Amino acid sequence: MLEGIESTVSDLLNVIHDNMFAKAKATYDSHIKEVTKWEDVVPALDAKNVVAIPWCDVEACEDDIKTRSAQA
C-alpha cells in the first residue's frame, strides 16, 4: 500500500510546484504594462501593474522619473 509513496509524493509536489509557478508567472506577466507617455504611468501603477518605461540610459533621466513619480 505504501510502496512507491516516496516517488509518488515527490512527483505530486513537483506537479503542484510547476502549476503554482505557471499561474504566478502568468499573473505577473499579465500585469506588465509598457508605458510611453507619462500620464499613463500613475494609472497603470494604481491598477496594480508593473510599468516598463523607456529610459535614455542617463542618470538625469532616472532622477527625473524619481522626482515626477514622487509627486504623483
PDB file of N, CA and C in Angstrom:
ATOM      1  N   MET A   1       0.822  -1.191   0.000  1.00  0.00           N
ATOM      2  CA  MET A   1       0.000   0.000   0.000  1.00  0.00           C
ATOM      3  C   MET A   1       0.868   1.258   0.000  1.00  0.00           C
ATOM      4  N   LEU A   2       1.946   1.273   0.736  1.00  0.00           N
ATOM      5  CA  LEU A   2       2.828   2.436   0.790  1.00  0.00           C
ATOM      6  C   LEU A   2       4.004   2.314  -0.175  1.00  0.00           C
ATOM      7  N   GLU A   3       3.973   1.239  -0.945  1.00  0.00           N
ATOM      8  CA  GLU A   3       5.067   1.020  -1.880  1.00  0.00           C
ATOM      9  C   GLU A   3       5.093   2.134  -2.935  1.00  0.00           C
ATOM     10  N   GLY A   4       6.225   2.761  -3.092  1.00  0.00           N
ATOM     11  CA  GLY A   4       6.395   3.812  -4.078  1.00  0.00           C
ATOM     12  C   GLY A   4       5.865   5.172  -3.640  1.00  0.00           C
ATOM     13  N   ILE A   5       5.472   5.295  -2.370  1.00  0.00           N
ATOM     14  CA  ILE A   5       4.885   6.562  -1.909  1.00  0.00           C
ATOM     15  C   ILE A   5       5.885   7.717  -1.993  1.00  0.00           C
ATOM     16  N   GLU A   6       7.154   7.427  -1.745  1.00  0.00           N
ATOM     17  CA  GLU A   6       8.157   8.490  -1.784  1.00  0.00           C
ATOM     18  C   GLU A   6       8.229   9.147  -3.159  1.00  0.00           C
ATOM     19  N   SER A   7       8.274   8.335  -4.195  1.00  0.00           N
ATOM     20  CA  SER A   7       8.350   8.904  -5.545  1.00  0.00           C
ATOM     21  C   SER A   7       7.016   9.508  -5.959  1.00  0.00           C
ATOM     22  N   THR A   8       5.916   8.920  -5.522  1.00  0.00           N
ATOM     23  CA  THR A   8       4.595   9.467  -5.848  1.00  0.00           C
ATOM     24  C   THR A   8       4.418  10.850  -5.236  1.00  0.00           C
ATOM     25  N   VAL A   9       4.779  11.001  -3.960  1.00  0.00           N
ATOM     26  CA  VAL A   9       4.660  12.299  -3.290  1.00  0.00           C
ATOM     27  C   VAL A   9       5.611  13.302  -3.931  1.00  0.00           C
ATOM     28  N   SER A  10       6.808  12.881  -4.205  1.00  0.00           N
ATOM     29  CA  SER A  10       7.781  13.768  -4.844  1.00  0.00           C
ATOM     30  C   SER A  10       7.276  14.248  -6.201  1.00  0.00           C
ATOM     31  N   ASP A  11       6.748  13.334  -6.995  1.00  0.00           N
ATOM     32  CA  ASP A  11       6.205  13.699  -8.309  1.00  0.00           C
ATOM     33  C   ASP A  11       5.027  14.660  -8.169  1.00  0.00           C
ATOM     34  N   LEU A  12       4.157  14.382  -7.212  1.00  0.00           N
ATOM     35  CA  LEU A  12       2.998  15.236  -6.990  1.00  0.00           C
ATOM     36  C   LEU A  12       3.423  16.634  -6.551  1.00  0.00           C
ATOM     37  N   LEU A  13       4.401  16.728  -5.673  1.00  0.00           N
ATOM     38  CA  LEU A  13       4.900  18.032  -5.240  1.00  0.00           C
ATOM     39  C   LEU A  13       5.512  18.804  -6.406  1.00  0.00           C
ATOM     40  N   ASN A  14       6.191  18.121  -7.287  1.00  0.00           N
ATOM     41  CA  ASN A  14       6.743  18.781  -8.478  1.00  0.00           C
ATOM     42  C   ASN A  14       5.636  19.316  -9.383  1.00  0.00           C
ATOM     43  N   VAL A  15       4.571  18.544  -9.548  1.00  0.00           N
ATOM     44  CA  VAL A  15       3.443  18.992 -10.369  1.00  0.00           C
ATOM     45  C   VAL A  15       2.785  20.209  -9.727  1.00  0.00           C
ATOM     46  N   ILE A  16       2.569  20.159  -8.413  1.00  0.00           N
ATOM     47  CA  ILE A  16       1.963  21.284  -7.696  1.00  0.00           C
ATOM     48  C   ILE A  16       2.838  22.525  -7.851  1.00  0.00           C
ATOM     49  N   HIS A  17       4.143  22.362  -7.653  1.00  0.00           N
ATOM     50  CA  HIS A  17       5.068  23.486  -7.799  1.00  0.00           C
ATOM     51  C   HIS A  17       5.002  24.082  -9.197  1.00  0.00           C
ATOM     52  N   ASP A  18       5.073  23.225 -10.212  1.00  0.00           N
ATOM     53  CA  ASP A  18       5.051  23.704 -11.594  1.00  0.00           C
ATOM     54  C   ASP A  18       3.756  24.452 -11.905  1.00  0.00           C
ATOM     55  N   ASN A  19       2.623  23.933 -11.426  1.00  0.00           N
ATOM     56  CA  ASN A  19       1.337  24.580 -11.668  1.00  0.00           C
ATOM     57  C   ASN A  19       1.246  25.921 -10.952  1.00  0.00           C
ATOM     58  N   MET A  20       1.712  25.977  -9.706  1.00  0.00           N
ATOM     59  CA  MET A  20       1.681  27.235  -8.953  1.00  0.00           C
ATOM     60  C   MET A  20       2.589  28.273  -9.607  1.00  0.00           C
ATOM     61  N   PHE A  21       3.769  27.844 -10.032  1.00  0.00           N
ATOM     62  CA  PHE A  21       4.701  28.765 -10.685  1.00  0.00           C
ATOM     63  C   PHE A  21       4.115  29.295 -11.991  1.00  0.00           C
ATOM     64  N   ALA A  22       3.538  28.416 -12.788  1.00  0.00           N
ATOM     65  CA  ALA A  22       2.961  28.826 -14.069  1.00  0.00           C
ATOM     66  C   ALA A  22       1.836  29.840 -13.859  1.00  0.00           C
ATOM     67  N   LYS A  23       1.002  29.600 -12.857  1.00  0.00           N
ATOM     68  CA  LYS A  23      -0.094  30.526 -12.572  1.00  0.00           C
ATOM     69  C   LYS A  23       0.453  31.878 -12.104  1.00  0.00           C
ATOM     70  N   ALA A  24       1.427  31.866 -11.209  1.00  0.00           N
ATOM     71  CA  ALA A  24       2.010  33.111 -10.703  1.00  0.00           C
ATOM     72  C   ALA A  24       2.701  33.874 -11.829  1.00  0.00           C
ATOM     73  N   LYS A  25       3.421  33.184 -12.695  1.00  0.00           N
ATOM     74  CA  LYS A  25       4.110  33.844 -13.805  1.00  0.00           C
ATOM     75  C   LYS A  25       3.116  34.451 -14.781  1.00  0.00           C
ATOM     76  N   ALA A  26       2.050  33.722 -15.071  1.00  0.00           N
ATOM     77  CA  ALA A  26       1.028  34.246 -15.984  1.00  0.00           C
ATOM     78  C   ALA A  26       0.377  35.497 -15.398  1.00  0.00           C
ATOM     79  N   THR A  27       0.105  35.476 -14.100  1.00  0.00           N
ATOM     80  CA  THR A  27      -0.483  36.639 -13.440  1.00  0.00           C
ATOM     81  C   THR A  27       0.484  37.811 -13.495  1.00  0.00           C
ATOM     82  N   TYR A  28       1.731  37.579 -13.148  1.00  0.00           N
ATOM     83  CA  TYR A  28       2.745  38.637 -13.187  1.00  0.00           C
ATOM     84  C   TYR A  28       2.890  39.194 -14.608  1.00  0.00           C
ATOM     85  N   ASP A  29       3.047  38.309 -15.573  1.00  0.00           N
ATOM     86  CA  ASP A  29       3.234  38.743 -16.957  1.00  0.00           C
ATOM     87  C   ASP A  29       2.050  39.562 -17.461  1.00  0.00           C
ATOM     88  N   SER A  30       0.850  39.237 -17.006  1.00  0.00           N
ATOM     89  CA  SER A  30      -0.334  39.973 -17.456  1.00  0.00           C
ATOM     90  C   SER A  30      -0.407  41.370 -16.845  1.00  0.00           C
ATOM     91  N   HIS A  31       0.406  41.632 -15.829  1.00  0.00           N
ATOM     92  CA  HIS A  31       0.407  42.927 -15.169  1.00  0.00           C
ATOM     93  C   HIS A  31       1.630  43.781 -15.511  1.00  0.00           C
ATOM     94  N   ILE A  32       2.384  43.382 -16.522  1.00  0.00           N
ATOM     95  CA  ILE A  32       3.483  44.212 -17.007  1.00  0.00           C
ATOM     96  C   ILE A  32       2.931  45.048 -18.148  1.00  0.00           C
ATOM     97  N   LYS A  33       2.974  46.346 -17.969  1.00  0.00           N
ATOM     98  CA  LYS A  33       2.427  47.262 -18.978  1.00  0.00           C
ATOM     99  C   LYS A  33       3.534  48.159 -19.507  1.00  0.00           C
ATOM    100  N   GLU A  34       3.679  48.208 -20.818  1.00  0.00           N
ATOM    101  CA  GLU A  34       4.633  49.112 -21.444  1.00  0.00           C
ATOM    102  C   GLU A  34       3.970  50.478 -21.558  1.00  0.00           C
ATOM    103  N   VAL A  35       4.626  51.474 -21.002  1.00  0.00           N
ATOM    104  CA  VAL A  35       4.073  52.827 -20.970  1.00  0.00           C
ATOM    105  C   VAL A  35       5.063  53.765 -21.653  1.00  0.00           C
ATOM    106  N   THR A  36       4.560  54.579 -22.580  1.00  0.00           N
ATOM    107  CA  THR A  36       5.427  55.516 -23.290  1.00  0.00           C
ATOM    108  C   THR A  36       5.043  56.971 -23.030  1.00  0.00           C
ATOM    109  N   LYS A  37       3.918  57.202 -22.344  1.00  0.00           N
ATOM    110  CA  LYS A  37       3.505  58.567 -22.009  1.00  0.00           C
ATOM    111  C   LYS A  37       3.416  58.698 -20.493  1.00  0.00           C
ATOM    112  N   TRP A  38       3.958  59.792 -19.975  1.00  0.00           N
ATOM    113  CA  TRP A  38       3.996  59.971 -18.519  1.00  0.00           C
ATOM    114  C   TRP A  38       2.603  59.915 -17.903  1.00  0.00           C
ATOM    115  N   GLU A  39       1.613  60.462 -18.560  1.00  0.00           N
ATOM    116  CA  GLU A  39       0.266  60.495 -17.989  1.00  0.00           C
ATOM    117  C   GLU A  39      -0.344  59.102 -17.823  1.00  0.00           C
ATOM    118  N   ASP A  40       0.261  58.087 -18.433  1.00  0.00           N
ATOM    119  CA  ASP A  40      -0.226  56.714 -18.286  1.00  0.00           C
ATOM    120  C   ASP A  40       0.463  55.955 -17.147  1.00  0.00           C
ATOM    121  N   VAL A  41       1.528  56.525 -16.578  1.00  0.00           N
ATOM    122  CA  VAL A  41       2.301  55.814 -15.555  1.00  0.00           C
ATOM    123  C   VAL A  41       1.487  55.605 -14.281  1.00  0.00           C
ATOM    124  N   VAL A  42       0.982  56.681 -13.702  1.00  0.00           N
ATOM    125  CA  VAL A  42       0.275  56.574 -12.423  1.00  0.00           C
ATOM    126  C   VAL A  42      -0.980  55.712 -12.545  1.00  0.00           C
ATOM    127  N   PRO A  43      -1.812  55.889 -13.582  1.00  0.00           N
ATOM    128  CA  PRO A  43      -2.971  54.987 -13.693  1.00  0.00           C
ATOM    129  C   PRO A  43      -2.572  53.512 -13.804  1.00  0.00           C
ATOM    130  N   ALA A  44      -1.492  53.234 -14.509  1.00  0.00           N
ATOM    131  CA  ALA A  44      -1.031  51.834 -14.626  1.00  0.00           C
ATOM    132  C   ALA A  44      -0.586  51.311 -13.270  1.00  0.00           C
ATOM    133  N   LEU A  45       0.137  52.129 -12.511  1.00  0.00           N
ATOM    134  CA  LEU A  45       0.566  51.714 -11.174  1.00  0.00           C
ATOM    135  C   LEU A  45      -0.629  51.562 -10.240  1.00  0.00           C
ATOM    136  N   ASP A  46      -1.583  52.482 -10.325  1.00  0.00           N
ATOM    137  CA  ASP A  46      -2.785  52.396  -9.489  1.00  0.00           C
ATOM    138  C   ASP A  46      -3.588  51.133  -9.778  1.00  0.00           C
ATOM    139  N   ALA A  47      -3.481  50.631 -11.002  1.00  0.00           N
ATOM    140  CA  ALA A  47      -4.177  49.405 -11.393  1.00  0.00           C
ATOM    141  C   ALA A  47      -3.374  48.160 -11.019  1.00  0.00           C
ATOM    142  N   LYS A  48      -2.375  48.338 -10.153  1.00  0.00           N
ATOM    143  CA  LYS A  48      -1.547  47.222  -9.649  1.00  0.00           C
ATOM    144  C   LYS A  48      -0.708  46.574 -10.742  1.00  0.00           C
ATOM    145  N   ASN A  49      -0.213  47.400 -11.652  1.00  0.00           N
ATOM    146  CA  ASN A  49       0.643  46.896 -12.718  1.00  0.00           C
ATOM    147  C   ASN A  49       2.098  47.268 -12.454  1.00  0.00           C
ATOM    148  N   VAL A  50       2.972  46.572 -13.140  1.00  0.00           N
ATOM    149  CA  VAL A  50       4.390  46.909 -13.191  1.00  0.00           C
ATOM    150  C   VAL A  50       4.578  47.629 -14.513  1.00  0.00           C
ATOM    151  N   VAL A  51       5.190  48.805 -14.479  1.00  0.00           N
ATOM    152  CA  VAL A  51       5.337  49.553 -15.726  1.00  0.00           C
ATOM    153  C   VAL A  51       6.751  49.400 -16.283  1.00  0.00           C
ATOM    154  N   ALA A  52       6.795  49.209 -17.574  1.00  0.00           N
ATOM    155  CA  ALA A  52       8.061  49.184 -18.306  1.00  0.00           C
ATOM    156  C   ALA A  52       8.074  50.463 -19.126  1.00  0.00           C
ATOM    157  N   ILE A  53       9.025  51.341 -18.803  1.00  0.00           N
ATOM    158  CA  ILE A  53       9.083  52.626 -19.481  1.00  0.00           C
ATOM    159  C   ILE A  53      10.441  52.792 -20.155  1.00  0.00           C
ATOM    160  N   PRO A  54      10.464  53.518 -21.270  1.00  0.00           N
ATOM    161  CA  PRO A  54      11.752  53.763 -21.930  1.00  0.00           C
ATOM    162  C   PRO A  54      12.673  54.571 -21.013  1.00  0.00           C
ATOM    163  N   TRP A  55      13.942  54.333 -21.142  1.00  0.00           N
ATOM    164  CA  TRP A  55      14.932  55.049 -20.347  1.00  0.00           C
ATOM    165  C   TRP A  55      16.096  55.381 -21.251  1.00  0.00           C
ATOM    166  N   CYS A  56      16.587  56.607 -21.150  1.00  0.00           N
ATOM    167  CA  CYS A  56      17.632  57.068 -22.070  1.00  0.00           C
ATOM    168  C   CYS A  56      19.036  56.645 -21.638  1.00  0.00           C
ATOM    169  N   ASP A  57      19.147  55.903 -20.548  1.00  0.00           N
ATOM    170  CA  ASP A  57      20.427  55.399 -20.059  1.00  0.00           C
ATOM    171  C   ASP A  57      21.322  56.522 -19.532  1.00  0.00           C
ATOM    172  N   VAL A  58      20.689  57.591 -19.049  1.00  0.00           N
ATOM    173  CA  VAL A  58      21.398  58.715 -18.454  1.00  0.00           C
ATOM    174  C   VAL A  58      20.829  58.920 -17.056  1.00  0.00           C
ATOM    175  N   GLU A  59      21.710  59.129 -16.092  1.00  0.00           N
ATOM    176  CA  GLU A  59      21.269  59.251 -14.706  1.00  0.00           C
ATOM    177  C   GLU A  59      20.262  60.380 -14.521  1.00  0.00           C
ATOM    178  N   ALA A  60      20.386  61.446 -15.272  1.00  0.00           N
ATOM    179  CA  ALA A  60      19.444  62.567 -15.162  1.00  0.00           C
ATOM    180  C   ALA A  60      18.014  62.127 -15.487  1.00  0.00           C
ATOM    181  N   CYS A  61      17.868  61.213 -16.432  1.00  0.00           N
ATOM    182  CA  CYS A  61      16.537  60.680 -16.764  1.00  0.00           C
ATOM    183  C   CYS A  61      15.961  59.922 -15.575  1.00  0.00           C
ATOM    184  N   GLU A  62      16.783  59.115 -14.936  1.00  0.00           N
ATOM    185  CA  GLU A  62      16.344  58.365 -13.758  1.00  0.00           C
ATOM    186  C   GLU A  62      15.927  59.329 -12.652  1.00  0.00           C
ATOM    187  N   ASP A  63      16.713  60.365 -12.438  1.00  0.00           N
ATOM    188  CA  ASP A  63      16.388  61.349 -11.402  1.00  0.00           C
ATOM    189  C   ASP A  63      15.066  62.042 -11.702  1.00  0.00           C
ATOM    190  N   ASP A  64      14.826  62.355 -12.980  1.00  0.00           N
ATOM    191  CA  ASP A  64      13.571  62.994 -13.373  1.00  0.00           C
ATOM    192  C   ASP A  64      12.390  62.072 -13.099  1.00  0.00           C
ATOM    193  N   ILE A  65      12.525  60.807 -13.412  1.00  0.00           N
ATOM    194  CA  ILE A  65      11.458  59.840 -13.176  1.00  0.00           C
ATOM    195  C   ILE A  65      11.182  59.731 -11.673  1.00  0.00           C
ATOM    196  N   LYS A  66      12.225  59.670 -10.874  1.00  0.00           N
ATOM    197  CA  LYS A  66      12.053  59.581  -9.425  1.00  0.00           C
ATOM    198  C   LYS A  66      11.322  60.816  -8.896  1.00  0.00           C
ATOM    199  N   THR A  67      11.719  61.983  -9.365  1.00  0.00           N
ATOM    200  CA  THR A  67      11.093  63.226  -8.910  1.00  0.00           C
ATOM    201  C   THR A  67       9.630  63.285  -9.320  1.00  0.00           C
ATOM    202  N   ARG A  68       9.369  62.993 -10.575  1.00  0.00           N
ATOM    203  CA  ARG A  68       7.994  63.074 -11.072  1.00  0.00           C
ATOM    204  C   ARG A  68       7.093  62.018 -10.451  1.00  0.00           C
ATOM    205  N   SER A  69       7.607  60.842 -10.207  1.00  0.00           N
ATOM    206  CA  SER A  69       6.769  59.790  -9.619  1.00  0.00           C
ATOM    207  C   SER A  69       6.527  60.029  -8.130  1.00  0.00           C
ATOM    208  N   ALA A  70       7.405  60.734  -7.459  1.00  0.00           N
ATOM    209  CA  ALA A  70       7.213  61.048  -6.032  1.00  0.00           C
ATOM    210  C   ALA A  70       6.091  62.064  -5.871  1.00  0.00           C
ATOM    211  N   GLN A  71       5.870  62.894  -6.873  1.00  0.00           N
ATOM    212  CA  GLN A  71       4.835  63.912  -6.812  1.00  0.00           C
ATOM    213  C   GLN A  71       3.458  63.338  -7.117  1.00  0.00           C
ATOM    214  N   ALA A  72       3.420  62.198  -7.742  1.00  0.00           N
ATOM    215  CA  ALA A  72       2.147  61.612  -8.181  1.00  0.00           C
ATOM    216  C   ALA A  72       1.351  61.046  -7.049  1.00  0.00           C
TER     217      ALA A  72
END
